[in-house]
Amino acid sequence: MPTSRGSEPPTPEVVALAEALAGAETDAVLAGLARLQADTDGTARLRAAVDLLRSAGRGAAVGVPALDPERLGRVARLVRRDEALEALYEAEARSRPPETEGLDTLGADLARGAWDERADLDAAIGAAAEEWRVERLAAVDRAVLRLALWELRHRPEVPVGVVISEAVRLAKAYSTARSGAFVNGVLGRLAGGREADG
């Protein structure tokens, strides 16, 4: 699973995106920029732009404005699930709990929660994934489903549609083109009870 971290200098496109994110006045504008970027170029450039803004926030001279912590947190939310997915995917590959250094509190909670409850989550996913055994799923798809199901169970303040939409986005960005539809179907079955409750 590729990551956005590296030592290369930022491209002009990354700097321009970081500046646009920094100048966004509302969460709706931020979300629109993120969706447009994800549809155009996946999430690598978005993650690199957020990393650049984080560096500026730590005082590095990186050519973009430093944001106050509250505003930087709003921007960083755009890649929180991506970072939690990466931590969970790497944890499974290493058979060790996820490394959450560098994640914000919620991102770390997502990764650790899905890791700690993976046996229970896998049982539910296996029951909902018709004709698929969880251990036979692609590792990225399995990690996406675990994160989303953990979030559905433990973050009732987040609308079901947002959790499923984000999971589909992650599956499309980091797995195969068909993974998005598969993840959508499994999570739709798993979320049925919560939608009826909400």
N, C-alpha and C. Protein backbone atom coordinates (compact mmCIF):
# COMPACT_ATOMS: atom_id res chain seq x y z
N MET A 1 0.85 -1.17 0.00
CA MET A 1 0.00 0.00 0.00
C MET A 1 0.89 1.23 0.00
N PRO A 2 0.87 2.05 -1.04
CA PRO A 2 1.75 3.20 -1.12
C PRO A 2 1.38 4.26 -0.11
N THR A 3 2.38 5.00 0.33
CA THR A 3 2.15 6.09 1.28
C THR A 3 2.53 7.40 0.63
N SER A 4 2.14 8.50 1.27
CA SER A 4 2.45 9.81 0.73
C SER A 4 3.72 10.39 1.33
N ARG A 5 4.27 9.72 2.33
CA ARG A 5 5.42 10.28 3.00
C ARG A 5 6.69 10.03 2.18
N GLY A 6 7.55 10.99 2.18
CA GLY A 6 8.80 10.85 1.45
C GLY A 6 9.66 12.07 1.69
N SER A 7 10.86 12.05 1.15
CA SER A 7 11.78 13.15 1.39
C SER A 7 11.92 14.05 0.17
N GLU A 8 11.21 13.78 -0.92
CA GLU A 8 11.30 14.62 -2.10
C GLU A 8 10.65 15.97 -1.81
N PRO A 9 11.15 17.02 -2.47
CA PRO A 9 10.50 18.32 -2.30
C PRO A 9 9.09 18.27 -2.89
N PRO A 10 8.18 19.07 -2.36
CA PRO A 10 6.80 19.05 -2.89
C PRO A 10 6.76 19.58 -4.32
N THR A 11 5.87 18.99 -5.10
CA THR A 11 5.67 19.46 -6.47
C THR A 11 4.87 20.76 -6.44
N PRO A 12 4.92 21.52 -7.52
CA PRO A 12 4.09 22.74 -7.57
C PRO A 12 2.60 22.44 -7.39
N GLU A 13 2.15 21.27 -7.87
CA GLU A 13 0.74 20.90 -7.71
C GLU A 13 0.39 20.68 -6.25
N VAL A 14 1.30 20.06 -5.49
CA VAL A 14 1.07 19.84 -4.06
C VAL A 14 1.04 21.16 -3.33
N VAL A 15 1.97 22.05 -3.64
CA VAL A 15 2.00 23.37 -3.00
C VAL A 15 0.71 24.13 -3.31
N ALA A 16 0.27 24.09 -4.56
CA ALA A 16 -0.96 24.79 -4.94
C ALA A 16 -2.17 24.22 -4.20
N LEU A 17 -2.23 22.90 -4.07
CA LEU A 17 -3.34 22.29 -3.34
C LEU A 17 -3.29 22.66 -1.87
N ALA A 18 -2.09 22.65 -1.28
CA ALA A 18 -1.96 23.04 0.13
C ALA A 18 -2.43 24.48 0.33
N GLU A 19 -2.07 25.36 -0.59
CA GLU A 19 -2.51 26.75 -0.49
C GLU A 19 -4.04 26.85 -0.61
N ALA A 20 -4.61 26.07 -1.52
CA ALA A 20 -6.07 26.08 -1.67
C ALA A 20 -6.76 25.56 -0.41
N LEU A 21 -6.22 24.50 0.17
CA LEU A 21 -6.78 23.95 1.41
C LEU A 21 -6.67 24.98 2.53
N ALA A 22 -5.52 25.63 2.61
CA ALA A 22 -5.31 26.63 3.66
C ALA A 22 -6.28 27.80 3.51
N GLY A 23 -6.63 28.14 2.27
CA GLY A 23 -7.52 29.27 2.03
C GLY A 23 -8.99 28.95 2.06
N ALA A 24 -9.33 27.67 2.18
CA ALA A 24 -10.74 27.27 2.20
C ALA A 24 -11.43 27.86 3.42
N GLU A 25 -12.54 28.53 3.19
CA GLU A 25 -13.25 29.23 4.27
C GLU A 25 -14.21 28.33 5.05
N THR A 26 -14.71 27.26 4.42
CA THR A 26 -15.71 26.43 5.09
C THR A 26 -15.36 24.95 4.94
N ASP A 27 -15.97 24.14 5.78
CA ASP A 27 -15.79 22.69 5.66
C ASP A 27 -16.33 22.17 4.34
N ALA A 28 -17.38 22.80 3.83
CA ALA A 28 -17.95 22.37 2.55
C ALA A 28 -16.94 22.61 1.42
N VAL A 29 -16.24 23.73 1.46
CA VAL A 29 -15.22 24.01 0.44
C VAL A 29 -14.07 23.01 0.58
N LEU A 30 -13.66 22.72 1.82
CA LEU A 30 -12.60 21.71 2.04
C LEU A 30 -13.01 20.37 1.47
N ALA A 31 -14.23 19.94 1.78
CA ALA A 31 -14.72 18.65 1.30
C ALA A 31 -14.78 18.63 -0.23
N GLY A 32 -15.20 19.72 -0.83
CA GLY A 32 -15.27 19.80 -2.28
C GLY A 32 -13.89 19.69 -2.91
N LEU A 33 -12.90 20.38 -2.33
CA LEU A 33 -11.52 20.28 -2.83
C LEU A 33 -11.01 18.85 -2.71
N ALA A 34 -11.30 18.21 -1.58
CA ALA A 34 -10.83 16.84 -1.36
C ALA A 34 -11.48 15.87 -2.35
N ARG A 35 -12.79 16.01 -2.57
CA ARG A 35 -13.48 15.13 -3.52
C ARG A 35 -12.94 15.32 -4.93
N LEU A 36 -12.78 16.58 -5.33
CA LEU A 36 -12.26 16.86 -6.66
C LEU A 36 -10.86 16.26 -6.82
N GLN A 37 -10.02 16.43 -5.82
CA GLN A 37 -8.67 15.90 -5.89
C GLN A 37 -8.68 14.37 -5.94
N ALA A 38 -9.50 13.74 -5.10
CA ALA A 38 -9.58 12.28 -5.08
C ALA A 38 -10.08 11.74 -6.42
N ASP A 39 -11.06 12.40 -7.01
CA ASP A 39 -11.58 11.95 -8.30
C ASP A 39 -10.56 12.14 -9.42
N THR A 40 -9.75 13.19 -9.30
CA THR A 40 -8.78 13.52 -10.35
C THR A 40 -7.51 12.70 -10.23
N ASP A 41 -7.00 12.57 -8.99
CA ASP A 41 -5.64 12.04 -8.82
C ASP A 41 -5.53 11.08 -7.64
N GLY A 42 -6.62 10.50 -7.18
CA GLY A 42 -6.52 9.65 -6.00
C GLY A 42 -6.23 10.50 -4.77
N THR A 43 -5.61 9.90 -3.78
CA THR A 43 -5.40 10.63 -2.53
C THR A 43 -3.94 11.01 -2.27
N ALA A 44 -3.03 10.59 -3.10
CA ALA A 44 -1.60 10.84 -2.84
C ALA A 44 -1.30 12.34 -2.76
N ARG A 45 -1.79 13.11 -3.71
CA ARG A 45 -1.51 14.55 -3.71
C ARG A 45 -2.19 15.24 -2.53
N LEU A 46 -3.40 14.82 -2.21
CA LEU A 46 -4.11 15.39 -1.06
C LEU A 46 -3.34 15.12 0.23
N ARG A 47 -2.88 13.88 0.39
CA ARG A 47 -2.12 13.55 1.60
C ARG A 47 -0.81 14.32 1.66
N ALA A 48 -0.16 14.49 0.52
CA ALA A 48 1.09 15.25 0.50
C ALA A 48 0.84 16.72 0.86
N ALA A 49 -0.28 17.28 0.38
CA ALA A 49 -0.61 18.67 0.70
C ALA A 49 -0.90 18.83 2.19
N VAL A 50 -1.62 17.89 2.78
CA VAL A 50 -1.90 17.94 4.22
C VAL A 50 -0.60 17.80 5.01
N ASP A 51 0.28 16.89 4.58
CA ASP A 51 1.58 16.74 5.24
C ASP A 51 2.38 18.04 5.17
N LEU A 52 2.31 18.73 4.04
CA LEU A 52 3.02 20.00 3.87
C LEU A 52 2.47 21.05 4.85
N LEU A 53 1.15 21.11 4.99
CA LEU A 53 0.54 22.04 5.94
C LEU A 53 0.90 21.67 7.39
N ARG A 54 1.00 20.39 7.68
CA ARG A 54 1.44 19.98 9.02
C ARG A 54 2.87 20.43 9.28
N SER A 55 3.73 20.28 8.28
CA SER A 55 5.12 20.74 8.42
C SER A 55 5.17 22.24 8.69
N ALA A 56 4.38 23.01 7.95
CA ALA A 56 4.31 24.45 8.16
C ALA A 56 3.83 24.75 9.58
N GLY A 57 2.88 23.96 10.06
CA GLY A 57 2.36 24.15 11.41
C GLY A 57 3.40 23.87 12.48
N ARG A 58 4.38 23.02 12.16
CA ARG A 58 5.48 22.74 13.10
C ARG A 58 6.61 23.74 12.97
N GLY A 59 6.42 24.74 12.09
CA GLY A 59 7.42 25.80 11.96
C GLY A 59 8.39 25.64 10.81
N ALA A 60 8.23 24.63 9.98
CA ALA A 60 9.14 24.43 8.85
C ALA A 60 8.83 25.46 7.76
N ALA A 61 9.87 25.93 7.10
CA ALA A 61 9.71 26.86 5.99
C ALA A 61 9.49 26.03 4.72
N VAL A 62 8.23 25.80 4.39
CA VAL A 62 7.90 24.92 3.26
C VAL A 62 7.13 25.64 2.16
N GLY A 63 6.99 26.95 2.27
CA GLY A 63 6.37 27.72 1.20
C GLY A 63 4.86 27.79 1.24
N VAL A 64 4.26 27.34 2.32
CA VAL A 64 2.81 27.46 2.49
C VAL A 64 2.55 28.06 3.88
N PRO A 65 1.40 28.69 4.05
CA PRO A 65 1.14 29.34 5.34
C PRO A 65 0.95 28.33 6.48
N ALA A 66 1.38 28.71 7.66
CA ALA A 66 1.12 27.91 8.85
C ALA A 66 -0.30 28.22 9.33
N LEU A 67 -1.06 27.19 9.59
CA LEU A 67 -2.44 27.36 10.04
C LEU A 67 -2.50 27.23 11.55
N ASP A 68 -3.49 27.88 12.15
CA ASP A 68 -3.69 27.68 13.58
C ASP A 68 -4.13 26.23 13.81
N PRO A 69 -3.93 25.70 15.02
CA PRO A 69 -4.22 24.27 15.26
C PRO A 69 -5.64 23.84 14.93
N GLU A 70 -6.63 24.68 15.21
CA GLU A 70 -8.02 24.30 14.93
C GLU A 70 -8.24 24.16 13.43
N ARG A 71 -7.73 25.11 12.69
CA ARG A 71 -7.90 25.06 11.22
C ARG A 71 -7.09 23.92 10.61
N LEU A 72 -5.88 23.68 11.12
CA LEU A 72 -5.08 22.57 10.64
C LEU A 72 -5.79 21.24 10.92
N GLY A 73 -6.43 21.14 12.08
CA GLY A 73 -7.20 19.94 12.40
C GLY A 73 -8.34 19.70 11.42
N ARG A 74 -9.01 20.78 11.01
CA ARG A 74 -10.09 20.65 10.03
C ARG A 74 -9.56 20.12 8.70
N VAL A 75 -8.39 20.61 8.30
CA VAL A 75 -7.80 20.15 7.04
C VAL A 75 -7.33 18.71 7.18
N ALA A 76 -6.70 18.38 8.30
CA ALA A 76 -6.16 17.03 8.51
C ALA A 76 -7.26 15.97 8.54
N ARG A 77 -8.48 16.35 8.92
CA ARG A 77 -9.60 15.39 8.92
C ARG A 77 -9.81 14.77 7.55
N LEU A 78 -9.41 15.49 6.50
CA LEU A 78 -9.63 15.00 5.14
C LEU A 78 -8.89 13.69 4.88
N VAL A 79 -7.79 13.45 5.57
CA VAL A 79 -6.98 12.26 5.31
C VAL A 79 -6.92 11.32 6.52
N ARG A 80 -7.71 11.59 7.55
CA ARG A 80 -7.68 10.78 8.77
C ARG A 80 -7.92 9.30 8.49
N ARG A 81 -8.95 8.99 7.74
CA ARG A 81 -9.26 7.59 7.46
C ARG A 81 -8.18 6.94 6.60
N ASP A 82 -7.60 7.69 5.68
CA ASP A 82 -6.51 7.16 4.87
C ASP A 82 -5.34 6.74 5.77
N GLU A 83 -5.01 7.60 6.70
CA GLU A 83 -3.89 7.32 7.60
C GLU A 83 -4.19 6.16 8.54
N ALA A 84 -5.43 6.09 9.03
CA ALA A 84 -5.82 4.97 9.89
C ALA A 84 -5.79 3.67 9.09
N LEU A 85 -6.24 3.71 7.84
CA LEU A 85 -6.20 2.53 6.98
C LEU A 85 -4.76 2.07 6.77
N GLU A 86 -3.88 2.98 6.50
CA GLU A 86 -2.47 2.64 6.30
C GLU A 86 -1.89 1.98 7.56
N ALA A 87 -2.19 2.54 8.73
CA ALA A 87 -1.68 1.98 9.98
C ALA A 87 -2.24 0.57 10.21
N LEU A 88 -3.52 0.37 9.93
CA LEU A 88 -4.14 -0.93 10.13
C LEU A 88 -3.61 -1.96 9.13
N TYR A 89 -3.46 -1.57 7.89
CA TYR A 89 -2.93 -2.45 6.85
C TYR A 89 -1.50 -2.89 7.22
N GLU A 90 -0.67 -1.94 7.62
CA GLU A 90 0.71 -2.27 8.00
C GLU A 90 0.74 -3.15 9.25
N ALA A 91 -0.16 -2.93 10.18
CA ALA A 91 -0.21 -3.74 11.40
C ALA A 91 -0.49 -5.20 11.06
N GLU A 92 -1.43 -5.41 10.15
CA GLU A 92 -1.75 -6.79 9.76
C GLU A 92 -0.55 -7.43 9.06
N ALA A 93 0.11 -6.67 8.21
CA ALA A 93 1.28 -7.21 7.49
C ALA A 93 2.40 -7.59 8.46
N ARG A 94 2.53 -6.84 9.55
CA ARG A 94 3.59 -7.10 10.54
C ARG A 94 3.11 -8.00 11.70
N SER A 95 1.81 -8.27 11.76
CA SER A 95 1.21 -9.03 12.87
C SER A 95 1.53 -8.38 14.21
N ARG A 96 1.44 -7.05 14.24
CA ARG A 96 1.65 -6.27 15.47
C ARG A 96 0.62 -5.15 15.51
N PRO A 97 0.32 -4.66 16.70
CA PRO A 97 -0.64 -3.54 16.78
C PRO A 97 -0.19 -2.36 15.91
N PRO A 98 -1.14 -1.56 15.47
CA PRO A 98 -0.81 -0.45 14.58
C PRO A 98 0.06 0.60 15.26
N GLU A 99 0.97 1.15 14.48
CA GLU A 99 1.76 2.29 14.94
C GLU A 99 0.94 3.53 14.66
N THR A 100 0.63 4.26 15.71
CA THR A 100 -0.28 5.39 15.57
C THR A 100 0.40 6.74 15.78
N GLU A 101 1.72 6.74 15.91
CA GLU A 101 2.43 8.01 16.03
C GLU A 101 2.20 8.81 14.76
N GLY A 102 1.86 10.06 14.92
CA GLY A 102 1.59 10.92 13.77
C GLY A 102 0.12 11.00 13.41
N LEU A 103 -0.69 10.08 13.94
CA LEU A 103 -2.14 10.15 13.71
C LEU A 103 -2.76 11.06 14.76
N ASP A 104 -3.84 11.73 14.41
CA ASP A 104 -4.56 12.48 15.43
C ASP A 104 -5.30 11.48 16.32
N THR A 105 -5.90 11.98 17.38
CA THR A 105 -6.54 11.10 18.37
C THR A 105 -7.60 10.21 17.74
N LEU A 106 -8.44 10.77 16.91
CA LEU A 106 -9.51 9.98 16.31
C LEU A 106 -8.96 8.95 15.32
N GLY A 107 -7.97 9.34 14.54
CA GLY A 107 -7.35 8.39 13.61
C GLY A 107 -6.71 7.23 14.36
N ALA A 108 -6.02 7.55 15.47
CA ALA A 108 -5.40 6.50 16.28
C ALA A 108 -6.47 5.60 16.89
N ASP A 109 -7.58 6.20 17.36
CA ASP A 109 -8.68 5.40 17.92
C ASP A 109 -9.26 4.46 16.87
N LEU A 110 -9.42 4.95 15.64
CA LEU A 110 -9.95 4.11 14.56
C LEU A 110 -9.04 2.91 14.32
N ALA A 111 -7.74 3.16 14.16
CA ALA A 111 -6.80 2.08 13.86
C ALA A 111 -6.70 1.09 15.02
N ARG A 112 -6.55 1.60 16.24
CA ARG A 112 -6.42 0.70 17.40
C ARG A 112 -7.71 -0.06 17.67
N GLY A 113 -8.85 0.64 17.54
CA GLY A 113 -10.13 -0.02 17.80
C GLY A 113 -10.39 -1.15 16.82
N ALA A 114 -10.14 -0.90 15.54
CA ALA A 114 -10.35 -1.95 14.54
C ALA A 114 -9.38 -3.11 14.75
N TRP A 115 -8.16 -2.81 15.16
CA TRP A 115 -7.18 -3.87 15.42
C TRP A 115 -7.62 -4.70 16.63
N ASP A 116 -7.98 -4.04 17.71
CA ASP A 116 -8.33 -4.74 18.95
C ASP A 116 -9.57 -5.60 18.79
N GLU A 117 -10.49 -5.20 17.94
CA GLU A 117 -11.75 -5.92 17.77
C GLU A 117 -11.82 -6.72 16.47
N ARG A 118 -10.69 -6.96 15.84
CA ARG A 118 -10.71 -7.55 14.50
C ARG A 118 -11.38 -8.92 14.45
N ALA A 119 -11.26 -9.75 15.48
CA ALA A 119 -11.91 -11.07 15.43
C ALA A 119 -13.43 -10.91 15.39
N ASP A 120 -13.98 -10.04 16.22
CA ASP A 120 -15.42 -9.81 16.24
C ASP A 120 -15.88 -9.14 14.94
N LEU A 121 -15.10 -8.16 14.48
CA LEU A 121 -15.43 -7.48 13.22
C LEU A 121 -15.41 -8.46 12.06
N ASP A 122 -14.39 -9.34 12.03
CA ASP A 122 -14.28 -10.31 10.95
C ASP A 122 -15.45 -11.29 10.94
N ALA A 123 -15.93 -11.65 12.12
CA ALA A 123 -17.08 -12.56 12.18
C ALA A 123 -18.31 -11.89 11.55
N ALA A 124 -18.52 -10.63 11.86
CA ALA A 124 -19.67 -9.91 11.29
C ALA A 124 -19.48 -9.70 9.78
N ILE A 125 -18.27 -9.34 9.37
CA ILE A 125 -18.00 -9.14 7.94
C ILE A 125 -18.20 -10.44 7.18
N GLY A 126 -17.71 -11.53 7.74
CA GLY A 126 -17.86 -12.83 7.10
C GLY A 126 -19.33 -13.22 6.92
N ALA A 127 -20.15 -12.89 7.90
CA ALA A 127 -21.58 -13.20 7.79
C ALA A 127 -22.26 -12.35 6.72
N ALA A 128 -21.76 -11.13 6.51
CA ALA A 128 -22.38 -10.23 5.54
C ALA A 128 -21.79 -10.35 4.14
N ALA A 129 -20.59 -10.87 4.04
CA ALA A 129 -19.92 -10.98 2.73
C ALA A 129 -20.30 -12.31 2.10
N GLU A 130 -21.38 -12.28 1.38
CA GLU A 130 -21.93 -13.51 0.80
C GLU A 130 -20.88 -14.20 -0.08
N GLU A 131 -20.68 -15.47 0.20
CA GLU A 131 -19.78 -16.34 -0.56
C GLU A 131 -18.31 -15.92 -0.50
N TRP A 132 -17.93 -15.13 0.50
CA TRP A 132 -16.53 -14.74 0.67
C TRP A 132 -16.12 -15.01 2.11
N ARG A 133 -15.00 -15.69 2.28
CA ARG A 133 -14.42 -15.84 3.61
C ARG A 133 -13.51 -14.64 3.86
N VAL A 134 -13.53 -14.11 5.05
CA VAL A 134 -12.78 -12.90 5.37
C VAL A 134 -11.29 -13.08 5.08
N GLU A 135 -10.74 -14.22 5.42
CA GLU A 135 -9.30 -14.44 5.20
C GLU A 135 -8.95 -14.47 3.71
N ARG A 136 -9.92 -14.64 2.84
CA ARG A 136 -9.67 -14.66 1.39
C ARG A 136 -9.83 -13.28 0.75
N LEU A 137 -10.33 -12.31 1.51
CA LEU A 137 -10.47 -10.96 0.97
C LEU A 137 -9.09 -10.34 0.78
N ALA A 138 -8.98 -9.42 -0.15
CA ALA A 138 -7.75 -8.64 -0.30
C ALA A 138 -7.48 -7.92 1.02
N ALA A 139 -6.23 -7.84 1.41
CA ALA A 139 -5.87 -7.24 2.70
C ALA A 139 -6.39 -5.81 2.84
N VAL A 140 -6.34 -5.04 1.77
CA VAL A 140 -6.83 -3.66 1.83
C VAL A 140 -8.34 -3.65 2.04
N ASP A 141 -9.07 -4.49 1.31
CA ASP A 141 -10.53 -4.55 1.48
C ASP A 141 -10.90 -4.95 2.90
N ARG A 142 -10.18 -5.91 3.44
CA ARG A 142 -10.44 -6.36 4.81
C ARG A 142 -10.20 -5.21 5.79
N ALA A 143 -9.11 -4.47 5.61
CA ALA A 143 -8.82 -3.35 6.50
C ALA A 143 -9.86 -2.24 6.36
N VAL A 144 -10.29 -1.94 5.15
CA VAL A 144 -11.33 -0.93 4.93
C VAL A 144 -12.62 -1.33 5.63
N LEU A 145 -13.03 -2.58 5.46
CA LEU A 145 -14.26 -3.06 6.10
C LEU A 145 -14.15 -3.02 7.62
N ARG A 146 -13.02 -3.41 8.16
CA ARG A 146 -12.83 -3.37 9.62
C ARG A 146 -12.95 -1.94 10.15
N LEU A 147 -12.26 -1.01 9.49
CA LEU A 147 -12.33 0.38 9.94
C LEU A 147 -13.76 0.91 9.89
N ALA A 148 -14.43 0.67 8.79
CA ALA A 148 -15.79 1.20 8.63
C ALA A 148 -16.76 0.57 9.62
N LEU A 149 -16.67 -0.75 9.81
CA LEU A 149 -17.58 -1.39 10.75
C LEU A 149 -17.30 -0.93 12.18
N TRP A 150 -16.02 -0.77 12.52
CA TRP A 150 -15.70 -0.26 13.86
C TRP A 150 -16.29 1.13 14.04
N GLU A 151 -16.18 1.96 13.01
CA GLU A 151 -16.72 3.31 13.10
C GLU A 151 -18.25 3.29 13.19
N LEU A 152 -18.90 2.41 12.44
CA LEU A 152 -20.36 2.30 12.55
C LEU A 152 -20.78 1.91 13.96
N ARG A 153 -20.02 1.05 14.58
CA ARG A 153 -20.37 0.56 15.92
C ARG A 153 -20.05 1.56 17.03
N HIS A 154 -19.01 2.35 16.86
CA HIS A 154 -18.50 3.16 17.97
C HIS A 154 -18.62 4.67 17.78
N ARG A 155 -19.06 5.11 16.63
CA ARG A 155 -19.18 6.55 16.39
C ARG A 155 -20.59 6.85 15.85
N PRO A 156 -21.60 6.70 16.69
CA PRO A 156 -22.97 6.89 16.22
C PRO A 156 -23.26 8.31 15.74
N GLU A 157 -22.42 9.27 16.12
CA GLU A 157 -22.63 10.65 15.68
C GLU A 157 -22.29 10.84 14.19
N VAL A 158 -21.57 9.89 13.61
CA VAL A 158 -21.21 9.98 12.19
C VAL A 158 -22.31 9.29 11.38
N PRO A 159 -22.91 9.98 10.44
CA PRO A 159 -23.98 9.36 9.65
C PRO A 159 -23.49 8.11 8.90
N VAL A 160 -24.36 7.12 8.83
CA VAL A 160 -24.05 5.87 8.14
C VAL A 160 -23.56 6.14 6.72
N GLY A 161 -24.23 7.04 6.01
CA GLY A 161 -23.85 7.34 4.64
C GLY A 161 -22.43 7.88 4.52
N VAL A 162 -22.01 8.66 5.49
CA VAL A 162 -20.65 9.20 5.47
C VAL A 162 -19.64 8.07 5.65
N VAL A 163 -19.89 7.19 6.61
CA VAL A 163 -18.97 6.07 6.86
C VAL A 163 -18.86 5.19 5.61
N ILE A 164 -20.00 4.85 5.02
CA ILE A 164 -19.98 3.98 3.84
C ILE A 164 -19.33 4.68 2.65
N SER A 165 -19.66 5.94 2.44
CA SER A 165 -19.06 6.69 1.34
C SER A 165 -17.55 6.77 1.47
N GLU A 166 -17.07 7.03 2.67
CA GLU A 166 -15.62 7.09 2.90
C GLU A 166 -14.97 5.73 2.69
N ALA A 167 -15.63 4.67 3.12
CA ALA A 167 -15.08 3.32 2.93
C ALA A 167 -15.00 2.98 1.44
N VAL A 168 -16.02 3.34 0.69
CA VAL A 168 -16.01 3.09 -0.76
C VAL A 168 -14.88 3.89 -1.40
N ARG A 169 -14.70 5.14 -0.99
CA ARG A 169 -13.61 5.97 -1.51
C ARG A 169 -12.27 5.31 -1.24
N LEU A 170 -12.06 4.84 -0.01
CA LEU A 170 -10.79 4.19 0.35
C LEU A 170 -10.57 2.92 -0.48
N ALA A 171 -11.61 2.14 -0.62
CA ALA A 171 -11.48 0.89 -1.41
C ALA A 171 -11.11 1.19 -2.85
N LYS A 172 -11.76 2.19 -3.44
CA LYS A 172 -11.45 2.55 -4.83
C LYS A 172 -10.03 3.12 -4.96
N ALA A 173 -9.61 3.90 -3.96
CA ALA A 173 -8.30 4.55 -4.03
C ALA A 173 -7.16 3.58 -3.81
N TYR A 174 -7.34 2.58 -2.93
CA TYR A 174 -6.22 1.74 -2.51
C TYR A 174 -6.33 0.29 -2.93
N SER A 175 -7.47 -0.12 -3.48
CA SER A 175 -7.63 -1.51 -3.89
C SER A 175 -7.98 -1.54 -5.38
N THR A 176 -8.95 -2.34 -5.74
CA THR A 176 -9.31 -2.47 -7.15
C THR A 176 -10.56 -1.66 -7.47
N ALA A 177 -10.83 -1.47 -8.73
CA ALA A 177 -12.02 -0.73 -9.16
C ALA A 177 -13.29 -1.41 -8.67
N ARG A 178 -13.29 -2.73 -8.61
CA ARG A 178 -14.48 -3.47 -8.18
C ARG A 178 -14.64 -3.50 -6.66
N SER A 179 -13.60 -3.16 -5.94
CA SER A 179 -13.66 -3.21 -4.48
C SER A 179 -14.69 -2.24 -3.90
N GLY A 180 -14.85 -1.09 -4.54
CA GLY A 180 -15.81 -0.11 -4.04
C GLY A 180 -17.22 -0.67 -3.96
N ALA A 181 -17.66 -1.36 -5.00
CA ALA A 181 -19.00 -1.94 -5.01
C ALA A 181 -19.13 -3.05 -3.97
N PHE A 182 -18.10 -3.86 -3.84
CA PHE A 182 -18.11 -4.94 -2.85
C PHE A 182 -18.22 -4.37 -1.43
N VAL A 183 -17.38 -3.40 -1.12
CA VAL A 183 -17.39 -2.76 0.21
C VAL A 183 -18.74 -2.11 0.47
N ASN A 184 -19.29 -1.44 -0.53
CA ASN A 184 -20.60 -0.80 -0.39
C ASN A 184 -21.68 -1.83 -0.05
N GLY A 185 -21.68 -2.96 -0.73
CA GLY A 185 -22.68 -4.00 -0.48
C GLY A 185 -22.57 -4.60 0.90
N VAL A 186 -21.35 -4.94 1.31
CA VAL A 186 -21.14 -5.55 2.63
C VAL A 186 -21.54 -4.57 3.73
N LEU A 187 -21.08 -3.32 3.63
CA LEU A 187 -21.40 -2.34 4.67
C LEU A 187 -22.89 -2.00 4.67
N GLY A 188 -23.51 -2.00 3.51
CA GLY A 188 -24.96 -1.76 3.47
C GLY A 188 -25.72 -2.81 4.27
N ARG A 189 -25.30 -4.09 4.13
CA ARG A 189 -25.94 -5.15 4.92
C ARG A 189 -25.63 -5.00 6.40
N LEU A 190 -24.39 -4.65 6.73
CA LEU A 190 -23.99 -4.52 8.14
C LEU A 190 -24.65 -3.31 8.81
N ALA A 191 -24.88 -2.26 8.07
CA ALA A 191 -25.43 -1.03 8.64
C ALA A 191 -26.94 -1.03 8.71
N GLY A 192 -27.60 -2.04 8.16
CA GLY A 192 -29.05 -2.06 8.11
C GLY A 192 -29.71 -1.76 9.45
N GLY A 193 -29.26 -2.37 10.51
CA GLY A 193 -29.85 -2.16 11.83
C GLY A 193 -29.63 -0.75 12.34
N ARG A 194 -28.46 -0.18 12.07
CA ARG A 194 -28.19 1.17 12.56
C ARG A 194 -29.03 2.19 11.83
N GLU A 195 -29.24 1.99 10.53
CA GLU A 195 -30.08 2.92 9.78
C GLU A 195 -31.51 2.90 10.31
N ALA A 196 -31.97 1.72 10.68
CA ALA A 196 -33.33 1.61 11.22
C ALA A 196 -33.42 2.30 12.58
N ASP A 197 -32.32 2.25 13.36
CA ASP A 197 -32.28 2.90 14.67
C ASP A 197 -32.20 4.40 14.55
N GLY A 198 -31.47 4.89 13.50
CA GLY A 198 -31.20 6.33 13.38
C GLY A 198 -32.30 6.98 12.69
